[in-house]
PDB file of all heavy atoms in Angstrom:
ATOM      1  N   GLU A   1      17.275  -7.336 -34.609  1.00  0.00           N
ATOM      2  CA  GLU A   1      16.448  -6.604 -35.517  1.00  0.00           C
ATOM      3  C   GLU A   1      15.470  -5.697 -34.786  1.00  0.00           C
ATOM      4  O   GLU A   1      15.160  -4.587 -35.160  1.00  0.00           O
ATOM      5  CB  GLU A   1      15.737  -7.541 -36.470  1.00  0.00           C
ATOM      6  CG  GLU A   1      16.584  -8.198 -37.533  1.00  0.00           C
ATOM      7  CD  GLU A   1      15.975  -9.446 -38.215  1.00  0.00           C
ATOM      8  OE1 GLU A   1      14.845  -9.847 -37.764  1.00  0.00           O
ATOM      9  OE2 GLU A   1      16.568  -9.994 -39.106  1.00  0.00           O
ATOM     10  N   GLN A   2      14.985  -6.253 -33.651  1.00  0.00           N
ATOM     11  CA  GLN A   2      14.027  -5.393 -32.831  1.00  0.00           C
ATOM     12  C   GLN A   2      14.837  -4.191 -32.296  1.00  0.00           C
ATOM     13  O   GLN A   2      14.289  -3.098 -32.213  1.00  0.00           O
ATOM     14  CB  GLN A   2      13.525  -6.250 -31.677  1.00  0.00           C
ATOM     15  CG  GLN A   2      12.488  -7.329 -32.108  1.00  0.00           C
ATOM     16  CD  GLN A   2      12.051  -8.119 -31.008  1.00  0.00           C
ATOM     17  OE1 GLN A   2      11.581  -7.619 -29.989  1.00  0.00           O
ATOM     18  NE2 GLN A   2      12.131  -9.458 -31.112  1.00  0.00           N
ATOM     19  N   GLN A   3      16.104  -4.393 -31.913  1.00  0.00           N
ATOM     20  CA  GLN A   3      16.906  -3.222 -31.436  1.00  0.00           C
ATOM     21  C   GLN A   3      17.083  -2.254 -32.481  1.00  0.00           C
ATOM     22  O   GLN A   3      16.974  -1.024 -32.296  1.00  0.00           O
ATOM     23  CB  GLN A   3      18.276  -3.758 -30.906  1.00  0.00           C
ATOM     24  CG  GLN A   3      18.254  -4.552 -29.646  1.00  0.00           C
ATOM     25  CD  GLN A   3      19.655  -4.958 -29.230  1.00  0.00           C
ATOM     26  OE1 GLN A   3      20.491  -5.415 -30.056  1.00  0.00           O
ATOM     27  NE2 GLN A   3      19.976  -4.753 -27.967  1.00  0.00           N
ATOM     28  N   VAL A   4      17.390  -2.671 -33.713  1.00  0.00           N
ATOM     29  CA  VAL A   4      17.571  -1.726 -34.861  1.00  0.00           C
ATOM     30  C   VAL A   4      16.300  -0.948 -35.097  1.00  0.00           C
ATOM     31  O   VAL A   4      16.307   0.251 -35.330  1.00  0.00           O
ATOM     32  CB  VAL A   4      18.079  -2.481 -36.070  1.00  0.00           C
ATOM     33  CG1 VAL A   4      18.042  -1.544 -37.356  1.00  0.00           C
ATOM     34  CG2 VAL A   4      19.449  -3.038 -35.919  1.00  0.00           C
ATOM     35  N   LEU A   5      15.213  -1.696 -35.079  1.00  0.00           N
ATOM     36  CA  LEU A   5      13.918  -1.030 -35.385  1.00  0.00           C
ATOM     37  C   LEU A   5      13.609   0.058 -34.290  1.00  0.00           C
ATOM     38  O   LEU A   5      13.122   1.113 -34.548  1.00  0.00           O
ATOM     39  CB  LEU A   5      12.758  -2.011 -35.383  1.00  0.00           C
ATOM     40  CG  LEU A   5      11.357  -1.535 -35.734  1.00  0.00           C
ATOM     41  CD1 LEU A   5      11.367  -0.787 -37.029  1.00  0.00           C
ATOM     42  CD2 LEU A   5      10.326  -2.646 -35.714  1.00  0.00           C
ATOM     43  N   GLU A   6      13.921  -0.261 -33.033  1.00  0.00           N
ATOM     44  CA  GLU A   6      13.692   0.653 -31.996  1.00  0.00           C
ATOM     45  C   GLU A   6      14.555   1.925 -32.126  1.00  0.00           C
ATOM     46  O   GLU A   6      14.095   3.032 -31.879  1.00  0.00           O
ATOM     47  CB  GLU A   6      14.105   0.029 -30.643  1.00  0.00           C
ATOM     48  CG  GLU A   6      13.088  -1.017 -30.129  1.00  0.00           C
ATOM     49  CD  GLU A   6      13.570  -1.849 -28.956  1.00  0.00           C
ATOM     50  OE1 GLU A   6      14.648  -1.548 -28.439  1.00  0.00           O
ATOM     51  OE2 GLU A   6      12.844  -2.761 -28.543  1.00  0.00           O
ATOM     52  N   LYS A   7      15.793   1.780 -32.658  1.00  0.00           N
ATOM     53  CA  LYS A   7      16.629   2.917 -32.921  1.00  0.00           C
ATOM     54  C   LYS A   7      16.076   3.724 -34.133  1.00  0.00           C
ATOM     55  O   LYS A   7      16.179   4.950 -34.067  1.00  0.00           O
ATOM     56  CB  LYS A   7      18.051   2.487 -33.193  1.00  0.00           C
ATOM     57  CG  LYS A   7      18.725   1.748 -32.038  1.00  0.00           C
ATOM     58  CD  LYS A   7      18.785   2.532 -30.749  1.00  0.00           C
ATOM     59  CE  LYS A   7      19.462   1.816 -29.605  1.00  0.00           C
ATOM     60  NZ  LYS A   7      19.466   2.599 -28.369  1.00  0.00           N
ATOM     61  N   VAL A   8      15.490   3.026 -35.049  1.00  0.00           N
ATOM     62  CA  VAL A   8      14.918   3.793 -36.270  1.00  0.00           C
ATOM     63  C   VAL A   8      13.692   4.598 -35.718  1.00  0.00           C
ATOM     64  O   VAL A   8      13.574   5.735 -36.121  1.00  0.00           O
ATOM     65  CB  VAL A   8      14.459   2.814 -37.325  1.00  0.00           C
ATOM     66  CG1 VAL A   8      13.665   3.548 -38.439  1.00  0.00           C
ATOM     67  CG2 VAL A   8      15.637   2.054 -37.927  1.00  0.00           C
ATOM     68  N   VAL A   9      12.960   4.015 -34.797  1.00  0.00           N
ATOM     69  CA  VAL A   9      11.856   4.692 -34.214  1.00  0.00           C
ATOM     70  C   VAL A   9      12.305   5.968 -33.441  1.00  0.00           C
ATOM     71  O   VAL A   9      11.611   7.017 -33.418  1.00  0.00           O
ATOM     72  CB  VAL A   9      10.996   3.756 -33.221  1.00  0.00           C
ATOM     73  CG1 VAL A   9       9.947   4.555 -32.479  1.00  0.00           C
ATOM     74  CG2 VAL A   9      10.362   2.634 -34.056  1.00  0.00           C
ATOM     75  N   GLU A  10      13.393   5.869 -32.810  1.00  0.00           N
ATOM     76  CA  GLU A  10      14.000   7.015 -32.130  1.00  0.00           C
ATOM     77  C   GLU A  10      14.511   8.076 -33.037  1.00  0.00           C
ATOM     78  O   GLU A  10      14.884   9.159 -32.569  1.00  0.00           O
ATOM     79  CB  GLU A  10      15.130   6.519 -31.180  1.00  0.00           C
ATOM     80  CG  GLU A  10      14.710   5.608 -30.006  1.00  0.00           C
ATOM     81  CD  GLU A  10      15.854   5.054 -29.279  1.00  0.00           C
ATOM     82  OE1 GLU A  10      17.026   5.469 -29.536  1.00  0.00           O
ATOM     83  OE2 GLU A  10      15.607   4.172 -28.416  1.00  0.00           O
ATOM     84  N   GLY A  11      14.566   7.745 -34.341  1.00  0.00           N
ATOM     85  CA  GLY A  11      14.979   8.817 -35.311  1.00  0.00           C
ATOM     86  C   GLY A  11      16.441   8.783 -35.642  1.00  0.00           C
ATOM     87  O   GLY A  11      16.999   9.708 -36.263  1.00  0.00           O
ATOM     88  N   LEU A  12      17.192   7.689 -35.257  1.00  0.00           N
ATOM     89  CA  LEU A  12      18.604   7.608 -35.571  1.00  0.00           C
ATOM     90  C   LEU A  12      18.889   7.159 -36.945  1.00  0.00           C
ATOM     91  O   LEU A  12      18.154   6.394 -37.510  1.00  0.00           O
ATOM     92  CB  LEU A  12      19.251   6.654 -34.487  1.00  0.00           C
ATOM     93  CG  LEU A  12      19.140   6.930 -33.014  1.00  0.00           C
ATOM     94  CD1 LEU A  12      19.975   5.938 -32.220  1.00  0.00           C
ATOM     95  CD2 LEU A  12      19.544   8.346 -32.723  1.00  0.00           C
ATOM     96  N   SER A  13      20.027   7.630 -37.483  1.00  0.00           N
ATOM     97  CA  SER A  13      20.443   7.201 -38.772  1.00  0.00           C
ATOM     98  C   SER A  13      21.133   5.831 -38.738  1.00  0.00           C
ATOM     99  O   SER A  13      21.445   5.393 -37.611  1.00  0.00           O
ATOM    100  CB  SER A  13      21.443   8.232 -39.431  1.00  0.00           C
ATOM    101  OG  SER A  13      22.624   8.234 -38.640  1.00  0.00           O
ATOM    102  N   SER A  14      21.329   5.200 -39.817  1.00  0.00           N
ATOM    103  CA  SER A  14      22.044   3.941 -39.839  1.00  0.00           C
ATOM    104  C   SER A  14      23.353   4.026 -39.239  1.00  0.00           C
ATOM    105  O   SER A  14      23.830   3.087 -38.452  1.00  0.00           O
ATOM    106  CB  SER A  14      22.135   3.343 -41.232  1.00  0.00           C
ATOM    107  OG  SER A  14      20.793   3.008 -41.727  1.00  0.00           O
ATOM    108  N   LYS A  15      24.115   5.080 -39.502  1.00  0.00           N
ATOM    109  CA  LYS A  15      25.394   5.273 -38.920  1.00  0.00           C
ATOM    110  C   LYS A  15      25.377   5.376 -37.427  1.00  0.00           C
ATOM    111  O   LYS A  15      26.183   4.733 -36.720  1.00  0.00           O
ATOM    112  CB  LYS A  15      26.066   6.529 -39.510  1.00  0.00           C
ATOM    113  CG  LYS A  15      27.484   6.849 -38.986  1.00  0.00           C
ATOM    114  CD  LYS A  15      28.017   8.069 -39.610  1.00  0.00           C
ATOM    115  CE  LYS A  15      29.395   8.341 -39.080  1.00  0.00           C
ATOM    116  NZ  LYS A  15      30.053   9.597 -39.644  1.00  0.00           N
ATOM    117  N   GLN A  16      24.384   6.171 -36.919  1.00  0.00           N
ATOM    118  CA  GLN A  16      24.211   6.372 -35.453  1.00  0.00           C
ATOM    119  C   GLN A  16      23.873   5.028 -34.784  1.00  0.00           C
ATOM    120  O   GLN A  16      24.307   4.721 -33.689  1.00  0.00           O
ATOM    121  CB  GLN A  16      23.187   7.444 -35.170  1.00  0.00           C
ATOM    122  CG  GLN A  16      23.660   8.853 -35.530  1.00  0.00           C
ATOM    123  CD  GLN A  16      22.495   9.830 -35.455  1.00  0.00           C
ATOM    124  OE1 GLN A  16      21.386   9.537 -35.813  1.00  0.00           O
ATOM    125  NE2 GLN A  16      22.726  11.039 -34.902  1.00  0.00           N
ATOM    126  N   ILE A  17      22.979   4.263 -35.469  1.00  0.00           N
ATOM    127  CA  ILE A  17      22.591   2.993 -34.915  1.00  0.00           C
ATOM    128  C   ILE A  17      23.766   2.049 -34.807  1.00  0.00           C
ATOM    129  O   ILE A  17      24.041   1.366 -33.790  1.00  0.00           O
ATOM    130  CB  ILE A  17      21.534   2.314 -35.806  1.00  0.00           C
ATOM    131  CG1 ILE A  17      20.228   3.170 -35.774  1.00  0.00           C
ATOM    132  CG2 ILE A  17      21.250   0.843 -35.391  1.00  0.00           C
ATOM    133  CD1 ILE A  17      19.194   2.686 -36.733  1.00  0.00           C
ATOM    134  N   GLY A  18      24.581   2.022 -35.816  1.00  0.00           N
ATOM    135  CA  GLY A  18      25.823   1.204 -35.856  1.00  0.00           C
ATOM    136  C   GLY A  18      26.829   1.573 -34.700  1.00  0.00           C
ATOM    137  O   GLY A  18      27.332   0.706 -33.987  1.00  0.00           O
ATOM    138  N   GLU A  19      26.941   2.888 -34.409  1.00  0.00           N
ATOM    139  CA  GLU A  19      27.782   3.374 -33.284  1.00  0.00           C
ATOM    140  C   GLU A  19      27.189   2.937 -32.036  1.00  0.00           C
ATOM    141  O   GLU A  19      27.974   2.545 -31.119  1.00  0.00           O
ATOM    142  CB  GLU A  19      27.955   4.866 -33.473  1.00  0.00           C
ATOM    143  CG  GLU A  19      28.728   5.339 -34.648  1.00  0.00           C
ATOM    144  CD  GLU A  19      28.677   6.882 -34.807  1.00  0.00           C
ATOM    145  OE1 GLU A  19      27.915   7.498 -34.099  1.00  0.00           O
ATOM    146  OE2 GLU A  19      29.423   7.351 -35.665  1.00  0.00           O
ATOM    147  N   GLN A  20      25.922   3.036 -31.829  1.00  0.00           N
ATOM    148  CA  GLN A  20      25.360   2.680 -30.480  1.00  0.00           C
ATOM    149  C   GLN A  20      25.319   1.209 -30.239  1.00  0.00           C
ATOM    150  O   GLN A  20      25.488   0.750 -29.129  1.00  0.00           O
ATOM    151  CB  GLN A  20      23.897   3.204 -30.419  1.00  0.00           C
ATOM    152  CG  GLN A  20      23.815   4.731 -30.299  1.00  0.00           C
ATOM    153  CD  GLN A  20      22.469   5.187 -29.678  1.00  0.00           C
ATOM    154  OE1 GLN A  20      21.665   4.418 -29.228  1.00  0.00           O
ATOM    155  NE2 GLN A  20      22.317   6.497 -29.658  1.00  0.00           N
ATOM    156  N   LEU A  21      25.152   0.415 -31.299  1.00  0.00           N
ATOM    157  CA  LEU A  21      25.103  -1.053 -31.189  1.00  0.00           C
ATOM    158  C   LEU A  21      26.468  -1.702 -31.371  1.00  0.00           C
ATOM    159  O   LEU A  21      26.592  -2.944 -31.269  1.00  0.00           O
ATOM    160  CB  LEU A  21      24.078  -1.619 -32.101  1.00  0.00           C
ATOM    161  CG  LEU A  21      22.603  -1.226 -31.938  1.00  0.00           C
ATOM    162  CD1 LEU A  21      21.720  -1.946 -32.899  1.00  0.00           C
ATOM    163  CD2 LEU A  21      22.150  -1.492 -30.489  1.00  0.00           C
ATOM    164  N   ASP A  22      27.459  -0.858 -31.741  1.00  0.00           N
ATOM    165  CA  ASP A  22      28.845  -1.319 -31.972  1.00  0.00           C
ATOM    166  C   ASP A  22      28.868  -2.365 -33.112  1.00  0.00           C
ATOM    167  O   ASP A  22      29.440  -3.458 -32.985  1.00  0.00           O
ATOM    168  CB  ASP A  22      29.467  -1.885 -30.641  1.00  0.00           C
ATOM    169  CG  ASP A  22      30.870  -2.114 -30.752  1.00  0.00           C
ATOM    170  OD1 ASP A  22      31.609  -1.412 -31.582  1.00  0.00           O
ATOM    171  OD2 ASP A  22      31.496  -2.946 -30.070  1.00  0.00           O
ATOM    172  N   VAL A  23      28.199  -2.054 -34.216  1.00  0.00           N
ATOM    173  CA  VAL A  23      28.181  -2.893 -35.377  1.00  0.00           C
ATOM    174  C   VAL A  23      28.472  -1.980 -36.659  1.00  0.00           C
ATOM    175  O   VAL A  23      28.380  -0.780 -36.540  1.00  0.00           O
ATOM    176  CB  VAL A  23      26.900  -3.689 -35.583  1.00  0.00           C
ATOM    177  CG1 VAL A  23      26.645  -4.667 -34.479  1.00  0.00           C
ATOM    178  CG2 VAL A  23      25.730  -2.751 -35.764  1.00  0.00           C
ATOM    179  N   SER A  24      28.898  -2.573 -37.740  1.00  0.00           N
ATOM    180  CA  SER A  24      29.206  -1.860 -38.927  1.00  0.00           C
ATOM    181  C   SER A  24      27.995  -1.277 -39.583  1.00  0.00           C
ATOM    182  O   SER A  24      26.856  -1.783 -39.384  1.00  0.00           O
ATOM    183  CB  SER A  24      29.981  -2.703 -39.870  1.00  0.00           C
ATOM    184  OG  SER A  24      29.145  -3.721 -40.444  1.00  0.00           O
ATOM    185  N   LEU A  25      28.157  -0.282 -40.442  1.00  0.00           N
ATOM    186  CA  LEU A  25      27.074   0.264 -41.193  1.00  0.00           C
ATOM    187  C   LEU A  25      26.471  -0.788 -42.111  1.00  0.00           C
ATOM    188  O   LEU A  25      25.247  -0.837 -42.284  1.00  0.00           O
ATOM    189  CB  LEU A  25      27.566   1.395 -42.026  1.00  0.00           C
ATOM    190  CG  LEU A  25      26.582   2.154 -42.973  1.00  0.00           C
ATOM    191  CD1 LEU A  25      25.395   2.709 -42.129  1.00  0.00           C
ATOM    192  CD2 LEU A  25      27.215   3.248 -43.744  1.00  0.00           C
ATOM    193  N   HIS A  26      27.353  -1.655 -42.636  1.00  0.00           N
ATOM    194  CA  HIS A  26      26.856  -2.738 -43.553  1.00  0.00           C
ATOM    195  C   HIS A  26      25.937  -3.680 -42.766  1.00  0.00           C
ATOM    196  O   HIS A  26      24.894  -4.121 -43.331  1.00  0.00           O
ATOM    197  CB  HIS A  26      28.107  -3.523 -44.099  1.00  0.00           C
ATOM    198  CG  HIS A  26      27.756  -4.738 -44.870  1.00  0.00           C
ATOM    199  ND1 HIS A  26      27.161  -4.643 -46.134  1.00  0.00           N
ATOM    200  CD2 HIS A  26      27.760  -6.048 -44.602  1.00  0.00           C
ATOM    201  CE1 HIS A  26      26.910  -5.821 -46.656  1.00  0.00           C
ATOM    202  NE2 HIS A  26      27.317  -6.734 -45.755  1.00  0.00           N
ATOM    203  N   THR A  27      26.273  -4.036 -41.509  1.00  0.00           N
ATOM    204  CA  THR A  27      25.451  -4.889 -40.697  1.00  0.00           C
ATOM    205  C   THR A  27      24.080  -4.226 -40.407  1.00  0.00           C
ATOM    206  O   THR A  27      23.022  -4.873 -40.517  1.00  0.00           O
ATOM    207  CB  THR A  27      26.136  -5.163 -39.388  1.00  0.00           C
ATOM    208  OG1 THR A  27      27.328  -5.905 -39.671  1.00  0.00           O
ATOM    209  CG2 THR A  27      25.207  -6.066 -38.489  1.00  0.00           C
ATOM    210  N   VAL A  28      24.058  -2.931 -40.099  1.00  0.00           N
ATOM    211  CA  VAL A  28      22.836  -2.208 -39.885  1.00  0.00           C
ATOM    212  C   VAL A  28      21.969  -2.300 -41.145  1.00  0.00           C
ATOM    213  O   VAL A  28      20.743  -2.480 -41.035  1.00  0.00           O
ATOM    214  CB  VAL A  28      23.071  -0.753 -39.446  1.00  0.00           C
ATOM    215  CG1 VAL A  28      21.755   0.008 -39.367  1.00  0.00           C
ATOM    216  CG2 VAL A  28      23.817  -0.746 -38.183  1.00  0.00           C
ATOM    217  N   ASP A  29      22.544  -1.919 -42.267  1.00  0.00           N
ATOM    218  CA  ASP A  29      21.732  -2.018 -43.501  1.00  0.00           C
ATOM    219  C   ASP A  29      21.156  -3.400 -43.791  1.00  0.00           C
ATOM    220  O   ASP A  29      20.038  -3.492 -44.284  1.00  0.00           O
ATOM    221  CB  ASP A  29      22.611  -1.563 -44.664  1.00  0.00           C
ATOM    222  CG  ASP A  29      22.932  -0.064 -44.698  1.00  0.00           C
ATOM    223  OD1 ASP A  29      22.153   0.662 -44.005  1.00  0.00           O
ATOM    224  OD2 ASP A  29      23.892   0.341 -45.231  1.00  0.00           O
ATOM    225  N   ASN A  30      21.953  -4.450 -43.482  1.00  0.00           N
ATOM    226  CA  ASN A  30      21.385  -5.783 -43.600  1.00  0.00           C
ATOM    227  C   ASN A  30      20.198  -6.035 -42.707  1.00  0.00           C
ATOM    228  O   ASN A  30      19.229  -6.670 -43.120  1.00  0.00           O
ATOM    229  CB  ASN A  30      22.507  -6.873 -43.338  1.00  0.00           C
ATOM    230  CG  ASN A  30      23.416  -7.041 -44.456  1.00  0.00           C
ATOM    231  OD1 ASN A  30      23.131  -6.705 -45.612  1.00  0.00           O
ATOM    232  ND2 ASN A  30      24.610  -7.567 -44.203  1.00  0.00           N
TER     233      ASN A  30
END
């Protein structure tokens, strides 16, 4: 969750976060 939050701070979309962390869009939204 801290990783996801850091990516949000960087301005990434949920799709971009999923691609960088190699997880699904559904997982990022959760």
